[in-house]
Amino acid sequence: MPIFEAPAVYAWSTGITICTYMMEHLYLKDFLDFHTSDANIVPLSNPTSVYYIRRERADRQKVVNVFNGDGEKVYTIERKSPLNPVWSMYAFPSRRAVATIRAGFFLRAIDFHNKQGLQHRAITNESGLTTGRTRSFYLNDGAKYSWTRGSKFLEKIINPKGGDEEIHERLAKVKLMRQWKFDFEMVLDEAKIDREVALSTAFISMLTQWGFGDITETRGPTYIPKKTATITEEQEEENKAPAPAPVAAPVAAAATVPASESTPSNVTFVINSSEDSDVIIEGIPANKKSWTGCGKHIANVMENTSQDLWCSCRHIDDEFDTNFPPKAGTGKARSSVSSGTSL
């Protein structure tokens, strides 16, 4: 009957705790995972996340909290009564229903909510020379998943009973943080296992499989490196690509030479710098040079041109620097220079 399952689980967990404590002190804990399988082990080398599962201090028998690596509460696991073997898992603080967990003495199962194609999953107890002592379940990929007894690994089992072709890929690991306390740490690779699946199935093993007798005198939290942005090869190539050529600033159109003055048949614009707003105007055939634009960069524009080639027209006002030729179309030809060469 359900009313007796919760007390039976408590008594069973107490017995496991005492047994684990004694085997730890007799250095026999490795026998808890004894098996004769020749399976290949794929280690959990790069866990991505860590979670801490602890009882609520104010309501130890009915509420368990789950914290992430930053100490933020992310889930709660609750039941209505200490005599009830059924727990409900909620996301915190949204109270989104994640799963209903039955952690009974005779029946262990999980009903997931809001997971496409994943609903009821039974948790079975397996024990044998080839498998060891495990709590096992299946997911949509058809593979078998098992929590081990002593080492507390979640393993994905490929090709069970396949001898040396059997593979145990480790996806998560749990360890007790404080002896005699319901205080566990779980590290996992979230790229390979859903964290809510791992948390809910591990919770059943915490109550019915592992106990709290492990020696924890020198244990501390597991270090998980923070995620950093990585640059792909494509991004690196893009970073190496040359920057597009700068677009030259728009330049004012050259002033029209008054009709009274002769205009060269050809005009060549020579841009001295992409950042200059003034340009050189070269008159052909006279080959005399002046400038046009805003007048703020006259020296930069004319400095690379021989003064012998400068326009010899005279300024009609002092608006611009008189040390340089007048702005194209504004000068007045000197008496010694043909008006046909004036700009």
Protein backbone atom coordinates (compact mmCIF):
# COMPACT_ATOMS: atom_id res chain seq x y z
CA MET A 1 0.00 0.00 0.00
CA PRO A 2 1.30 3.53 -0.81
CA ILE A 3 0.92 4.68 2.82
CA PHE A 4 3.61 2.17 3.86
CA GLU A 5 5.98 2.76 0.94
CA ALA A 6 7.41 6.08 2.11
CA PRO A 7 8.32 4.79 5.63
CA ALA A 8 9.74 1.64 4.03
CA VAL A 9 11.93 3.77 1.74
CA TYR A 10 13.18 5.71 4.77
CA ALA A 11 14.09 2.50 6.60
CA TRP A 12 15.72 1.08 3.45
CA SER A 13 17.77 4.24 2.95
CA THR A 14 18.93 4.12 6.57
CA GLY A 15 20.13 0.55 6.08
CA ILE A 16 22.01 1.50 2.88
CA THR A 17 23.62 4.43 4.70
CA ILE A 18 24.94 2.18 7.50
CA CYS A 19 26.15 -0.44 5.01
CA THR A 20 27.98 2.17 2.91
CA TYR A 21 29.59 3.68 6.01
CA MET A 22 30.93 0.30 7.13
CA MET A 23 32.23 -0.64 3.68
CA GLU A 24 33.96 2.74 3.37
CA HIS A 25 35.87 2.13 6.61
CA LEU A 26 36.72 -1.42 5.62
CA TYR A 27 37.94 -0.22 2.20
CA LEU A 28 35.41 -2.46 0.48
CA LYS A 29 33.38 0.20 -1.33
CA ASP A 30 34.67 -0.92 -4.75
CA PHE A 31 32.72 -4.15 -4.31
CA LEU A 32 29.48 -2.15 -4.57
CA ASP A 33 30.12 -1.82 -8.33
CA PHE A 34 31.59 -5.29 -8.84
CA HIS A 35 30.69 -6.85 -12.18
CA THR A 36 32.26 -9.17 -14.73
CA SER A 37 31.36 -7.22 -17.87
CA ASP A 38 34.07 -6.46 -20.45
CA ALA A 39 32.30 -3.27 -21.51
CA ASN A 40 34.33 -0.33 -22.79
CA ILE A 41 34.01 2.80 -20.64
CA VAL A 42 33.74 6.27 -22.22
CA PRO A 43 34.62 8.69 -19.39
CA LEU A 44 32.80 11.87 -18.43
CA SER A 45 35.70 14.11 -19.41
CA ASN A 46 34.04 17.49 -20.02
CA PRO A 47 30.94 18.07 -17.86
CA THR A 48 29.18 21.31 -18.74
CA SER A 49 26.94 21.93 -15.70
CA VAL A 50 26.74 21.34 -11.96
CA TYR A 51 23.69 21.21 -9.68
CA TYR A 52 23.25 20.82 -5.93
CA ILE A 53 20.30 18.90 -4.44
CA ARG A 54 19.53 19.72 -0.79
CA ARG A 55 16.62 19.41 1.61
CA GLU A 56 14.72 22.54 2.61
CA ARG A 57 15.78 23.32 6.20
CA ALA A 58 12.35 24.51 7.27
CA ASP A 59 10.51 21.50 5.80
CA ARG A 60 13.05 18.70 5.44
CA GLN A 61 10.60 15.83 4.86
CA LYS A 62 8.55 17.50 2.15
CA VAL A 63 10.72 19.90 0.14
CA VAL A 64 14.03 19.43 -1.70
CA ASN A 65 15.71 22.33 -3.51
CA VAL A 66 17.96 22.22 -6.58
CA PHE A 67 20.59 24.96 -7.10
CA ASN A 68 22.80 25.66 -10.09
CA GLY A 69 26.54 26.36 -9.97
CA ASP A 70 25.93 30.04 -9.21
CA GLY A 71 23.86 29.24 -6.11
CA GLU A 72 20.53 30.12 -7.75
CA LYS A 73 17.52 27.95 -7.00
CA VAL A 74 16.26 26.46 -10.28
CA TYR A 75 13.96 23.59 -9.21
CA THR A 76 11.99 22.37 -6.21
CA ILE A 77 10.90 18.77 -5.56
CA GLU A 78 7.93 18.57 -3.23
CA ARG A 79 5.40 16.15 -1.74
CA LYS A 80 2.24 16.76 0.25
CA SER A 81 3.04 14.48 3.18
CA PRO A 82 6.03 12.55 4.64
CA LEU A 83 3.92 9.41 4.13
CA ASN A 84 3.45 10.05 0.41
CA PRO A 85 5.96 8.35 -1.95
CA VAL A 86 4.96 10.66 -4.84
CA TRP A 87 6.96 13.84 -5.42
CA SER A 88 6.36 16.72 -7.86
CA MET A 89 9.22 18.55 -9.55
CA TYR A 90 8.73 22.24 -10.46
CA ALA A 91 10.91 24.82 -12.18
CA PHE A 92 11.69 27.77 -9.91
CA PRO A 93 10.40 30.46 -9.73
CA SER A 94 7.93 29.86 -12.60
CA ARG A 95 6.37 26.78 -10.92
CA ARG A 96 6.31 25.03 -14.29
CA ALA A 97 5.50 21.35 -13.74
CA VAL A 98 8.50 19.29 -14.84
CA ALA A 99 7.76 15.75 -13.65
CA THR A 100 5.90 13.58 -11.17
CA ILE A 101 8.27 11.19 -9.39
CA ARG A 102 7.21 8.03 -7.62
CA ALA A 103 10.02 6.91 -5.33
CA GLY A 104 8.34 3.97 -3.61
CA PHE A 105 9.67 0.79 -2.10
CA PHE A 106 7.98 -1.43 -4.69
CA LEU A 107 7.30 0.94 -7.59
CA ARG A 108 9.61 3.59 -9.02
CA ALA A 109 8.63 5.63 -12.06
CA ILE A 110 8.62 9.12 -13.53
CA ASP A 111 5.98 10.91 -15.58
CA PHE A 112 7.49 13.82 -17.49
CA HIS A 113 5.39 16.85 -18.38
CA ASN A 114 5.79 19.03 -21.47
CA LYS A 115 8.46 16.85 -23.10
CA GLN A 116 7.54 15.77 -26.60
CA GLY A 117 7.45 11.99 -26.94
CA LEU A 118 8.71 11.47 -23.38
CA GLN A 119 6.08 10.66 -20.75
CA HIS A 120 6.03 7.64 -18.46
CA ARG A 121 9.32 5.92 -17.69
CA ALA A 122 9.70 3.05 -15.23
CA ILE A 123 12.88 2.81 -13.15
CA THR A 124 13.94 -0.80 -12.71
CA ASN A 125 16.30 -2.38 -10.21
CA GLU A 126 18.96 -4.57 -11.80
CA SER A 127 21.52 -6.72 -10.04
CA GLY A 128 23.87 -9.35 -11.42
CA LEU A 129 27.47 -10.33 -12.00
CA THR A 130 27.54 -8.82 -15.49
CA THR A 131 25.68 -5.58 -14.74
CA GLY A 132 26.41 -4.86 -11.08
CA ARG A 133 23.70 -3.08 -9.04
CA THR A 134 21.96 -0.34 -10.99
CA ARG A 135 18.74 1.66 -11.42
CA SER A 136 17.90 1.61 -15.14
CA PHE A 137 15.48 3.26 -17.57
CA TYR A 138 15.05 3.83 -21.32
CA LEU A 139 14.66 7.02 -23.37
CA ASN A 140 13.35 7.70 -26.88
CA ASP A 141 16.60 6.72 -28.56
CA GLY A 142 16.04 3.13 -27.39
CA ALA A 143 19.29 3.05 -25.41
CA LYS A 144 19.49 1.84 -21.85
CA TYR A 145 20.52 4.32 -19.13
CA SER A 146 21.69 3.21 -15.68
CA TRP A 147 22.73 4.83 -12.40
CA THR A 148 25.50 2.78 -10.73
CA ARG A 149 25.49 1.96 -7.02
CA GLY A 150 28.96 2.85 -5.68
CA SER A 151 30.49 5.28 -8.17
CA LYS A 152 27.11 7.02 -8.82
CA PHE A 153 27.60 7.44 -12.58
CA LEU A 154 24.80 7.76 -15.10
CA GLU A 155 25.84 5.55 -18.01
CA LYS A 156 24.38 5.19 -21.48
CA ILE A 157 24.69 1.50 -22.33
CA ILE A 158 25.12 0.60 -25.98
CA ASN A 159 24.87 -3.04 -27.09
CA PRO A 160 24.08 -4.56 -23.64
CA LYS A 161 25.58 -8.01 -23.04
CA GLY A 162 27.72 -7.54 -26.13
CA GLY A 163 30.93 -8.56 -24.43
CA ASP A 164 33.89 -6.46 -25.50
CA GLU A 165 31.60 -4.59 -27.94
CA GLU A 166 29.43 -3.27 -25.11
CA ILE A 167 29.94 0.45 -24.45
CA HIS A 168 29.18 2.40 -21.26
CA GLU A 169 29.25 6.13 -21.96
CA ARG A 170 29.23 8.18 -18.76
CA LEU A 171 26.96 11.23 -18.95
CA ALA A 172 26.63 12.41 -15.33
CA LYS A 173 28.02 11.80 -11.85
CA VAL A 174 26.64 12.36 -8.35
CA LYS A 175 28.56 12.63 -5.10
CA LEU A 176 27.54 13.19 -1.49
CA MET A 177 28.74 16.55 -0.18
CA ARG A 178 28.09 16.09 3.57
CA GLN A 179 27.99 12.77 5.39
CA TRP A 180 24.64 11.91 7.02
CA LYS A 181 22.97 14.78 5.14
CA PHE A 182 20.72 14.84 2.06
CA ASP A 183 23.21 17.08 0.23
CA PHE A 184 24.33 15.93 -3.21
CA GLU A 185 26.21 17.40 -6.16
CA MET A 186 25.53 16.34 -9.74
CA VAL A 187 27.77 17.18 -12.71
CA LEU A 188 26.66 16.33 -16.24
CA ASP A 189 27.19 16.91 -19.92
CA GLU A 190 23.98 18.64 -21.02
CA ALA A 191 24.90 18.09 -24.68
CA LYS A 192 24.33 14.36 -24.12
CA ILE A 193 21.56 14.13 -21.48
CA ASP A 194 18.59 16.33 -20.58
CA ARG A 195 19.24 17.87 -17.16
CA GLU A 196 15.65 17.36 -15.97
CA VAL A 197 15.82 13.68 -16.91
CA ALA A 198 19.15 13.35 -15.08
CA LEU A 199 17.92 15.21 -11.97
CA SER A 200 14.62 13.33 -11.62
CA THR A 201 16.12 9.87 -12.14
CA ALA A 202 19.03 10.66 -9.82
CA PHE A 203 16.55 11.78 -7.14
CA ILE A 204 15.07 8.26 -7.04
CA SER A 205 18.55 6.79 -6.55
CA MET A 206 19.29 9.30 -3.78
CA LEU A 207 16.27 8.01 -1.86
CA THR A 208 16.43 4.29 -2.67
CA GLN A 209 19.95 3.38 -3.81
CA TRP A 210 22.80 5.47 -2.40
CA GLY A 211 22.13 6.55 1.18
CA PHE A 212 24.24 9.15 3.01
CA GLY A 213 27.13 7.18 4.49
CA ASP A 214 29.99 8.11 2.12
CA ILE A 215 33.08 9.64 3.70
CA THR A 216 33.12 13.33 2.69
CA GLU A 217 35.84 14.85 4.90
CA THR A 218 37.89 16.34 2.03
CA ARG A 219 35.16 16.93 -0.55
CA GLY A 220 34.39 20.27 -2.12
CA PRO A 221 32.39 21.48 -5.12
CA THR A 222 33.52 20.40 -8.57
CA TYR A 223 35.04 23.14 -10.71
CA ILE A 224 33.23 23.62 -14.03
CA PRO A 225 34.91 26.16 -16.37
CA LYS A 226 32.72 29.01 -17.51
CA LYS A 227 31.59 28.85 -21.11
CA THR A 228 33.63 31.08 -23.41
CA ALA A 229 32.90 32.14 -26.94
CA THR A 230 34.88 30.20 -29.56
CA ILE A 231 35.82 31.48 -32.98
CA THR A 232 35.10 29.08 -35.82
CA GLU A 233 37.41 28.67 -38.79
CA GLU A 234 34.94 30.56 -40.97
CA GLN A 235 34.88 33.49 -38.52
CA GLU A 236 38.68 33.48 -38.36
CA GLU A 237 38.89 33.67 -42.16
CA GLU A 238 36.43 36.56 -42.13
CA ASN A 239 38.58 38.36 -39.56
CA LYS A 240 41.63 37.89 -41.80
CA ALA A 241 39.85 39.22 -44.89
CA PRO A 242 41.01 42.72 -45.95
CA ALA A 243 38.75 45.57 -44.99
CA PRO A 244 36.82 47.16 -47.84
CA ALA A 245 38.47 50.23 -49.38
CA PRO A 246 37.26 53.50 -47.86
CA VAL A 247 34.87 55.53 -49.95
CA ALA A 248 36.20 58.96 -50.84
CA ALA A 249 34.36 61.87 -49.33
CA PRO A 250 32.08 63.66 -51.78
CA VAL A 251 33.73 66.62 -53.44
CA ALA A 252 32.22 69.85 -54.52
CA ALA A 253 31.90 70.27 -58.27
CA ALA A 254 34.45 72.53 -59.91
CA ALA A 255 33.30 76.07 -60.37
CA THR A 256 32.34 76.99 -63.89
CA VAL A 257 34.83 79.25 -65.59
CA PRO A 258 33.16 82.50 -66.59
CA ALA A 259 32.32 82.75 -70.27
CA SER A 260 34.55 85.79 -70.58
CA GLU A 261 37.58 83.60 -69.89
CA SER A 262 38.84 80.83 -72.09
CA THR A 263 38.37 77.32 -70.65
CA PRO A 264 40.84 74.51 -71.42
CA SER A 265 39.48 71.81 -73.68
CA ASN A 266 40.31 69.09 -71.10
CA VAL A 267 40.22 69.10 -67.29
CA THR A 268 41.83 66.39 -65.10
CA PHE A 269 40.83 65.94 -61.41
CA VAL A 270 43.70 64.65 -59.23
CA ILE A 271 42.66 63.52 -55.70
CA ASN A 272 45.61 63.87 -53.35
CA SER A 273 44.07 62.03 -50.35
CA SER A 274 40.88 60.15 -49.61
CA GLU A 275 40.39 62.33 -46.55
CA ASP A 276 40.88 65.67 -48.31
CA SER A 277 37.90 67.65 -49.46
CA ASP A 278 39.95 69.74 -51.90
CA VAL A 279 41.14 68.47 -55.25
CA ILE A 280 43.65 69.63 -57.85
CA ILE A 281 42.35 70.82 -61.19
CA GLU A 282 44.84 70.52 -64.04
CA GLY A 283 44.24 72.57 -67.15
CA ILE A 284 45.23 71.20 -70.53
CA PRO A 285 47.04 72.26 -72.69
CA ALA A 286 48.47 74.97 -70.44
CA ASN A 287 49.16 72.32 -67.77
CA LYS A 288 48.69 74.87 -64.98
CA LYS A 289 47.17 73.65 -61.70
CA SER A 290 44.83 75.09 -59.14
CA TRP A 291 42.33 73.63 -56.68
CA THR A 292 38.63 73.49 -55.80
CA GLY A 293 36.65 72.42 -52.74
CA CYS A 294 36.10 73.75 -49.22
CA GLY A 295 39.50 75.44 -48.95
CA LYS A 296 40.54 73.79 -45.68
CA HIS A 297 43.09 71.40 -47.20
CA ILE A 298 44.81 73.57 -49.82
CA ALA A 299 48.33 72.95 -48.49
CA ASN A 300 47.83 69.14 -48.40
CA VAL A 301 46.56 69.17 -51.96
CA MET A 302 49.14 71.46 -53.54
CA GLU A 303 52.28 70.39 -51.65
CA ASN A 304 53.12 67.59 -54.10
CA THR A 305 52.85 69.87 -57.13
CA SER A 306 55.78 71.94 -58.33
CA GLN A 307 55.18 75.66 -57.94
CA ASP A 308 56.25 76.09 -61.54
CA LEU A 309 53.02 74.38 -62.52
CA TRP A 310 50.76 76.42 -60.27
CA CYS A 311 48.21 78.71 -61.82
CA SER A 312 49.56 82.27 -61.91
CA CYS A 313 46.18 84.03 -61.73
CA ARG A 314 45.81 86.56 -58.94
CA HIS A 315 43.27 86.46 -56.10
CA ILE A 316 40.32 88.79 -56.35
CA ASP A 317 39.69 88.56 -52.57
CA ASP A 318 41.45 87.32 -49.40
CA GLU A 319 38.98 84.54 -48.48
CA PHE A 320 41.61 81.80 -49.00
CA ASP A 321 45.37 81.56 -48.41
CA THR A 322 47.05 83.84 -50.94
CA ASN A 323 50.25 81.75 -50.79
CA PHE A 324 48.55 79.28 -53.10
CA PRO A 325 46.75 79.69 -56.42
CA PRO A 326 43.20 81.03 -56.25
CA LYS A 327 40.26 78.66 -56.29
CA ALA A 328 39.50 77.45 -59.79
CA GLY A 329 37.22 79.88 -61.60
CA THR A 330 37.74 82.72 -59.14
CA GLY A 331 41.17 84.06 -60.17
CA LYS A 332 41.90 86.84 -62.59
CA ALA A 333 44.57 86.49 -65.24
CA ARG A 334 47.67 88.57 -64.81
CA SER A 335 48.72 90.82 -67.68
CA SER A 336 51.76 88.67 -68.37
CA VAL A 337 49.74 85.43 -68.67
CA SER A 338 47.44 84.58 -71.54
CA SER A 339 43.81 84.48 -70.56
CA GLY A 340 43.58 81.14 -72.31
CA THR A 341 45.57 79.63 -69.47
CA SER A 342 43.56 81.22 -66.70
CA LEU A 343 41.45 79.00 -64.46
